[in-house]
N, C-alpha and C. Protein backbone atom coordinates (compact mmCIF):
# COMPACT_ATOMS: atom_id res chain seq x y z
N UNK A 1 121.07 77.70 73.71
CA UNK A 1 120.74 78.61 74.80
C UNK A 1 120.60 80.01 74.20
N UNK A 2 119.44 80.65 74.46
CA UNK A 2 119.27 82.00 73.92
C UNK A 2 119.96 83.00 74.82
N UNK A 3 120.02 84.25 74.36
CA UNK A 3 120.76 85.29 75.08
C UNK A 3 120.24 85.53 76.50
N UNK A 4 118.92 85.50 76.66
CA UNK A 4 118.37 85.72 78.00
C UNK A 4 118.73 84.58 78.94
N UNK A 5 118.73 83.35 78.45
CA UNK A 5 119.11 82.21 79.30
C UNK A 5 120.55 82.35 79.76
N UNK A 6 121.43 82.69 78.83
CA UNK A 6 122.84 82.85 79.18
C UNK A 6 123.01 83.98 80.19
N UNK A 7 122.33 85.08 79.96
CA UNK A 7 122.41 86.20 80.89
C UNK A 7 121.93 85.78 82.28
N UNK A 8 120.81 85.07 82.36
CA UNK A 8 120.28 84.62 83.64
C UNK A 8 121.23 83.66 84.34
N UNK A 9 121.86 82.77 83.59
CA UNK A 9 122.85 81.86 84.17
C UNK A 9 124.02 82.66 84.74
N UNK A 10 124.47 83.66 83.99
CA UNK A 10 125.59 84.49 84.44
C UNK A 10 125.20 85.24 85.73
N UNK A 11 124.00 85.81 85.78
CA UNK A 11 123.53 86.53 86.97
C UNK A 11 123.51 85.58 88.17
N UNK A 12 122.98 84.39 87.97
CA UNK A 12 122.91 83.42 89.07
C UNK A 12 124.30 83.00 89.53
N UNK A 13 125.21 82.86 88.59
CA UNK A 13 126.59 82.50 88.94
C UNK A 13 127.23 83.60 89.78
N UNK A 14 127.04 84.85 89.40
CA UNK A 14 127.64 85.95 90.17
C UNK A 14 127.01 86.05 91.56
N UNK A 15 125.71 85.81 91.66
CA UNK A 15 125.06 85.80 92.98
C UNK A 15 125.63 84.69 93.86
N UNK A 16 125.81 83.51 93.28
CA UNK A 16 126.36 82.35 94.00
C UNK A 16 127.78 82.66 94.48
N UNK A 17 128.58 83.23 93.59
CA UNK A 17 129.96 83.59 93.92
C UNK A 17 129.98 84.61 95.06
N UNK A 18 129.12 85.59 95.00
CA UNK A 18 129.05 86.63 96.03
C UNK A 18 128.64 86.03 97.38
N UNK A 19 127.70 85.09 97.38
CA UNK A 19 127.30 84.44 98.63
C UNK A 19 128.47 83.66 99.24
N UNK A 20 129.23 82.96 98.39
CA UNK A 20 130.40 82.22 98.89
C UNK A 20 131.44 83.17 99.47
N UNK A 21 131.72 84.27 98.77
CA UNK A 21 132.69 85.24 99.27
C UNK A 21 132.26 85.83 100.61
N UNK A 22 130.99 86.17 100.73
CA UNK A 22 130.50 86.73 101.99
C UNK A 22 130.62 85.72 103.12
N UNK A 23 130.32 84.46 102.82
CA UNK A 23 130.42 83.42 103.84
C UNK A 23 131.88 83.23 104.27
N UNK A 24 132.80 83.22 103.31
CA UNK A 24 134.22 83.08 103.64
C UNK A 24 134.71 84.29 104.43
N UNK A 25 134.29 85.48 104.03
CA UNK A 25 134.67 86.69 104.74
C UNK A 25 134.19 86.63 106.19
N UNK A 26 132.97 86.17 106.38
CA UNK A 26 132.40 86.07 107.72
C UNK A 26 133.22 85.12 108.60
N UNK A 27 133.54 83.94 108.09
CA UNK A 27 134.28 82.98 108.93
C UNK A 27 135.70 83.47 109.21
N UNK A 28 136.32 84.14 108.24
CA UNK A 28 137.66 84.67 108.47
C UNK A 28 137.63 85.81 109.49
N UNK A 29 136.63 86.67 109.39
CA UNK A 29 136.50 87.76 110.37
C UNK A 29 136.27 87.19 111.77
N UNK A 30 135.41 86.19 111.83
CA UNK A 30 135.06 85.59 113.11
C UNK A 30 136.26 84.90 113.77
N UNK A 31 137.03 84.19 112.98
CA UNK A 31 138.14 83.40 113.51
C UNK A 31 139.43 84.20 113.68
N UNK A 32 139.74 85.08 112.71
CA UNK A 32 141.04 85.74 112.69
C UNK A 32 140.98 87.26 112.74
N UNK A 33 139.78 87.83 112.69
CA UNK A 33 139.59 89.28 112.59
C UNK A 33 140.27 89.84 111.33
N UNK A 34 140.27 89.04 110.29
CA UNK A 34 140.76 89.42 108.96
C UNK A 34 139.70 89.01 107.95
N UNK A 35 139.64 89.74 106.84
CA UNK A 35 138.63 89.44 105.83
C UNK A 35 139.20 88.76 104.60
N UNK A 36 138.34 88.64 103.60
CA UNK A 36 138.70 87.92 102.38
C UNK A 36 139.79 88.67 101.59
N UNK A 37 139.80 90.00 101.64
CA UNK A 37 140.83 90.77 100.93
C UNK A 37 142.20 90.54 101.55
N UNK A 38 142.25 90.49 102.87
CA UNK A 38 143.51 90.18 103.55
C UNK A 38 143.98 88.77 103.20
N UNK A 39 143.00 87.86 103.15
CA UNK A 39 143.33 86.48 102.76
C UNK A 39 143.95 86.46 101.36
N UNK A 40 143.31 87.13 100.40
CA UNK A 40 143.83 87.13 99.03
C UNK A 40 145.24 87.72 98.97
N UNK A 41 145.45 88.81 99.66
CA UNK A 41 146.78 89.43 99.65
C UNK A 41 147.83 88.44 100.16
N UNK A 42 147.57 87.82 101.30
CA UNK A 42 148.55 86.89 101.86
C UNK A 42 148.66 85.62 101.01
N UNK A 43 147.56 85.18 100.42
CA UNK A 43 147.59 84.00 99.54
C UNK A 43 148.51 84.25 98.34
N UNK A 44 148.34 85.39 97.68
CA UNK A 44 149.18 85.68 96.51
C UNK A 44 150.64 85.86 96.90
N UNK A 45 150.90 86.44 98.06
CA UNK A 45 152.28 86.54 98.53
C UNK A 45 152.86 85.15 98.80
N UNK A 46 152.07 84.28 99.40
CA UNK A 46 152.54 82.91 99.70
C UNK A 46 152.87 82.15 98.42
N UNK A 47 152.16 82.45 97.34
CA UNK A 47 152.39 81.76 96.06
C UNK A 47 153.57 82.36 95.28
N UNK A 48 153.96 83.56 95.63
CA UNK A 48 154.99 84.29 94.87
C UNK A 48 156.39 83.79 95.21
N UNK A 49 157.29 84.02 94.27
CA UNK A 49 158.70 83.69 94.49
C UNK A 49 159.21 84.50 95.68
N UNK A 50 159.84 83.85 96.61
CA UNK A 50 160.38 84.44 97.83
C UNK A 50 159.30 85.12 98.67
N UNK A 51 158.08 84.69 98.51
CA UNK A 51 156.90 85.22 99.23
C UNK A 51 156.87 86.75 99.27
N UNK A 52 157.18 87.37 98.13
CA UNK A 52 157.11 88.83 98.05
C UNK A 52 156.68 89.26 96.66
N UNK A 53 156.00 90.41 96.62
CA UNK A 53 155.54 91.00 95.37
C UNK A 53 155.55 92.52 95.51
N UNK A 54 155.60 93.18 94.36
CA UNK A 54 155.44 94.64 94.34
C UNK A 54 154.00 94.98 94.70
N UNK A 55 153.83 96.04 95.46
CA UNK A 55 152.48 96.48 95.82
C UNK A 55 151.64 96.70 94.57
N UNK A 56 152.23 97.31 93.56
CA UNK A 56 151.49 97.60 92.32
C UNK A 56 151.04 96.32 91.61
N UNK A 57 151.77 95.22 91.76
CA UNK A 57 151.38 93.95 91.13
C UNK A 57 150.25 93.27 91.90
N UNK A 58 150.10 93.62 93.17
CA UNK A 58 149.03 93.05 93.98
C UNK A 58 147.68 93.73 93.74
N UNK A 59 147.71 94.98 93.28
CA UNK A 59 146.48 95.76 93.08
C UNK A 59 145.44 94.99 92.26
N UNK A 60 145.76 94.51 91.04
CA UNK A 60 144.72 93.81 90.27
C UNK A 60 144.36 92.44 90.84
N UNK A 61 145.28 91.81 91.53
CA UNK A 61 145.00 90.49 92.09
C UNK A 61 144.03 90.57 93.28
N UNK A 62 144.20 91.57 94.12
CA UNK A 62 143.38 91.69 95.33
C UNK A 62 142.08 92.45 95.03
N UNK A 63 142.12 93.29 94.01
CA UNK A 63 140.90 94.00 93.61
C UNK A 63 140.63 95.25 94.42
N UNK A 64 141.69 95.91 94.87
CA UNK A 64 141.56 97.18 95.58
C UNK A 64 142.38 98.24 94.87
N UNK A 65 142.07 99.49 95.15
CA UNK A 65 142.89 100.58 94.61
C UNK A 65 144.25 100.55 95.30
N UNK A 66 145.20 101.26 94.73
CA UNK A 66 146.55 101.31 95.29
C UNK A 66 146.51 101.83 96.73
N UNK A 67 145.76 102.90 96.97
CA UNK A 67 145.71 103.47 98.32
C UNK A 67 144.99 102.55 99.30
N UNK A 68 143.90 101.90 98.87
CA UNK A 68 143.19 100.97 99.75
C UNK A 68 144.07 99.76 100.08
N UNK A 69 144.82 99.28 99.10
CA UNK A 69 145.71 98.15 99.33
C UNK A 69 146.84 98.54 100.28
N UNK A 70 147.34 99.75 100.15
CA UNK A 70 148.38 100.24 101.05
C UNK A 70 147.86 100.29 102.49
N UNK A 71 146.62 100.72 102.68
CA UNK A 71 146.02 100.73 104.02
C UNK A 71 145.85 99.31 104.55
N UNK A 72 145.46 98.38 103.68
CA UNK A 72 145.32 96.99 104.09
C UNK A 72 146.67 96.42 104.54
N UNK A 73 147.74 96.74 103.80
CA UNK A 73 149.08 96.30 104.17
C UNK A 73 149.45 96.86 105.54
N UNK A 74 149.12 98.12 105.79
CA UNK A 74 149.40 98.72 107.10
C UNK A 74 148.69 97.95 108.21
N UNK A 75 147.44 97.57 107.98
CA UNK A 75 146.71 96.79 108.99
C UNK A 75 147.40 95.44 109.24
N UNK A 76 147.90 94.82 108.19
CA UNK A 76 148.58 93.53 108.36
C UNK A 76 149.94 93.70 109.03
N UNK A 77 150.56 94.85 108.84
CA UNK A 77 151.83 95.13 109.53
C UNK A 77 151.59 95.31 111.04
N UNK A 78 150.39 95.72 111.41
CA UNK A 78 150.07 95.99 112.81
C UNK A 78 149.03 95.00 113.36
N UNK A 79 149.01 93.80 112.82
CA UNK A 79 148.06 92.77 113.26
C UNK A 79 148.25 92.49 114.74
N UNK A 80 147.19 92.19 115.43
CA UNK A 80 147.20 92.03 116.89
C UNK A 80 148.20 91.00 117.39
N UNK A 81 148.44 89.94 116.63
CA UNK A 81 149.35 88.88 117.07
C UNK A 81 150.77 89.08 116.54
N UNK A 82 151.02 90.21 115.89
CA UNK A 82 152.33 90.50 115.32
C UNK A 82 152.24 90.68 113.82
N UNK A 83 153.26 91.31 113.26
CA UNK A 83 153.27 91.64 111.83
C UNK A 83 153.13 90.38 110.97
N UNK A 84 152.23 90.45 109.99
CA UNK A 84 152.04 89.35 109.04
C UNK A 84 152.77 89.62 107.73
N UNK A 85 152.97 90.90 107.43
CA UNK A 85 153.69 91.31 106.23
C UNK A 85 154.66 92.42 106.59
N UNK A 86 155.59 92.64 105.68
CA UNK A 86 156.55 93.74 105.83
C UNK A 86 156.64 94.46 104.49
N UNK A 87 156.81 95.75 104.56
CA UNK A 87 156.96 96.54 103.33
C UNK A 87 158.40 97.06 103.28
N UNK A 88 159.01 96.93 102.10
CA UNK A 88 160.39 97.41 101.90
C UNK A 88 160.49 98.10 100.55
N UNK A 89 161.31 99.14 100.48
CA UNK A 89 161.54 99.77 99.17
C UNK A 89 162.18 98.76 98.22
N UNK A 90 161.78 98.79 96.97
CA UNK A 90 162.37 97.92 95.95
C UNK A 90 163.82 98.33 95.74
N UNK A 91 164.73 97.37 95.73
CA UNK A 91 166.16 97.70 95.59
C UNK A 91 166.49 98.25 94.21
N UNK A 92 165.71 97.88 93.20
CA UNK A 92 165.98 98.32 91.83
C UNK A 92 165.20 99.58 91.44
N UNK A 93 164.12 99.87 92.15
CA UNK A 93 163.27 101.01 91.80
C UNK A 93 162.77 101.63 93.10
N UNK A 94 163.38 102.70 93.53
CA UNK A 94 163.07 103.33 94.81
C UNK A 94 161.64 103.85 94.89
N UNK A 95 160.97 104.02 93.75
CA UNK A 95 159.58 104.46 93.75
C UNK A 95 158.62 103.32 94.06
N UNK A 96 159.09 102.11 93.95
CA UNK A 96 158.26 100.92 94.13
C UNK A 96 158.46 100.33 95.52
N UNK A 97 157.43 99.64 96.00
CA UNK A 97 157.47 99.02 97.33
C UNK A 97 157.20 97.52 97.18
N UNK A 98 158.04 96.72 97.84
CA UNK A 98 157.83 95.28 97.89
C UNK A 98 157.08 94.94 99.17
N UNK A 99 156.14 94.01 99.07
CA UNK A 99 155.43 93.50 100.24
C UNK A 99 155.89 92.07 100.44
N UNK A 100 156.33 91.77 101.66
CA UNK A 100 156.91 90.47 101.97
C UNK A 100 156.05 89.79 103.03
N UNK A 101 155.71 88.54 102.80
CA UNK A 101 154.95 87.76 103.77
C UNK A 101 155.91 87.25 104.84
N UNK A 102 155.61 87.58 106.09
CA UNK A 102 156.45 87.16 107.21
C UNK A 102 156.12 85.70 107.57
N UNK A 103 156.97 85.07 108.36
CA UNK A 103 156.74 83.67 108.78
C UNK A 103 155.39 83.53 109.48
N UNK A 104 155.06 84.48 110.34
CA UNK A 104 153.78 84.44 111.04
C UNK A 104 152.63 84.51 110.03
N UNK A 105 152.80 85.30 108.98
CA UNK A 105 151.80 85.37 107.93
C UNK A 105 151.68 84.07 107.16
N UNK A 106 152.82 83.42 106.91
CA UNK A 106 152.80 82.11 106.23
C UNK A 106 152.03 81.09 107.06
N UNK A 107 152.27 81.08 108.35
CA UNK A 107 151.55 80.15 109.22
C UNK A 107 150.06 80.45 109.22
N UNK A 108 149.71 81.73 109.29
CA UNK A 108 148.31 82.11 109.35
C UNK A 108 147.59 81.80 108.04
N UNK A 109 148.24 82.01 106.91
CA UNK A 109 147.56 81.75 105.63
C UNK A 109 147.25 80.27 105.49
N UNK A 110 148.09 79.40 106.02
CA UNK A 110 147.80 77.96 105.98
C UNK A 110 146.60 77.63 106.86
N UNK A 111 146.51 78.26 108.03
CA UNK A 111 145.35 78.06 108.91
C UNK A 111 144.08 78.57 108.22
N UNK A 112 144.18 79.72 107.57
CA UNK A 112 143.02 80.30 106.89
C UNK A 112 142.56 79.40 105.74
N UNK A 113 143.52 78.86 104.98
CA UNK A 113 143.17 77.97 103.88
C UNK A 113 142.46 76.72 104.40
N UNK A 114 142.96 76.15 105.50
CA UNK A 114 142.32 74.96 106.07
C UNK A 114 140.89 75.28 106.50
N UNK A 115 140.71 76.42 107.15
CA UNK A 115 139.38 76.81 107.60
C UNK A 115 138.43 76.99 106.42
N UNK A 116 138.88 77.70 105.40
CA UNK A 116 138.03 77.91 104.22
C UNK A 116 137.70 76.58 103.56
N UNK A 117 138.69 75.72 103.40
CA UNK A 117 138.46 74.42 102.77
C UNK A 117 137.45 73.60 103.58
N UNK A 118 137.62 73.57 104.90
CA UNK A 118 136.68 72.82 105.76
C UNK A 118 135.26 73.37 105.63
N UNK A 119 135.14 74.69 105.62
CA UNK A 119 133.82 75.31 105.50
C UNK A 119 133.19 75.02 104.14
N UNK A 120 133.98 75.12 103.10
CA UNK A 120 133.44 74.82 101.76
C UNK A 120 133.00 73.36 101.68
N UNK A 121 133.82 72.46 102.22
CA UNK A 121 133.48 71.03 102.20
C UNK A 121 132.18 70.77 102.95
N UNK A 122 131.98 71.46 104.06
CA UNK A 122 130.78 71.20 104.86
C UNK A 122 129.54 71.91 104.32
N UNK A 123 129.73 73.02 103.61
CA UNK A 123 128.59 73.81 103.15
C UNK A 123 128.12 73.50 101.73
N UNK A 124 129.03 72.99 100.90
CA UNK A 124 128.67 72.72 99.50
C UNK A 124 128.27 71.27 99.33
N UNK A 125 127.27 71.06 98.50
CA UNK A 125 126.88 69.70 98.18
C UNK A 125 127.91 69.11 97.20
N UNK A 126 127.89 67.81 97.06
CA UNK A 126 128.79 67.16 96.10
C UNK A 126 128.51 67.67 94.69
N UNK A 127 127.23 67.90 94.38
CA UNK A 127 126.86 68.43 93.06
C UNK A 127 127.46 69.82 92.86
N UNK A 128 127.38 70.69 93.89
CA UNK A 128 127.97 72.03 93.81
C UNK A 128 129.47 71.94 93.54
N UNK A 129 130.15 71.06 94.25
CA UNK A 129 131.59 70.89 94.08
C UNK A 129 131.92 70.44 92.67
N UNK A 130 131.18 69.48 92.15
CA UNK A 130 131.39 68.99 90.79
C UNK A 130 131.13 70.10 89.76
N UNK A 131 130.08 70.89 89.98
CA UNK A 131 129.77 71.99 89.06
C UNK A 131 130.88 73.05 89.06
N UNK A 132 131.42 73.34 90.23
CA UNK A 132 132.52 74.32 90.31
C UNK A 132 133.74 73.77 89.59
N UNK A 133 134.04 72.51 89.78
CA UNK A 133 135.19 71.90 89.11
C UNK A 133 135.02 71.96 87.58
N UNK A 134 133.80 71.70 87.11
CA UNK A 134 133.55 71.75 85.65
C UNK A 134 133.75 73.17 85.12
N UNK A 135 133.39 74.17 85.89
CA UNK A 135 133.53 75.57 85.45
C UNK A 135 134.98 75.95 85.21
N UNK A 136 135.89 75.44 86.02
CA UNK A 136 137.27 75.87 85.92
C UNK A 136 138.13 74.96 85.05
N UNK A 137 137.56 73.90 84.55
CA UNK A 137 138.33 73.00 83.67
C UNK A 137 138.39 73.51 82.26
């Protein structure tokens, strides 16, 4: 594969990824009035030990600046159906803030995962699914 072919494959992959993200963001907004960034934040909290992480550790995972992520956390603290996350000062470092996924957030992230999985299953061909699996192996 020459350099231009590899570059073109990479461009097409990023376009494909962006289309999938936009589609997932749309269904999450439509169903829960939350977007893909909120999903990622709650997903990483759900995977973390004791469902909590430092705000600063979430910045690179969610892909937002510290201030944008802080605003996103505020929105999740004031979610229409009740708080999904809670923010607490770190007991060991008063300058740091821990973000904790609440029970309501845990329930919602499972619903969001099911919705995304169902949508991906219905929208992707078997060939697309196999190609994605090969990419991550």
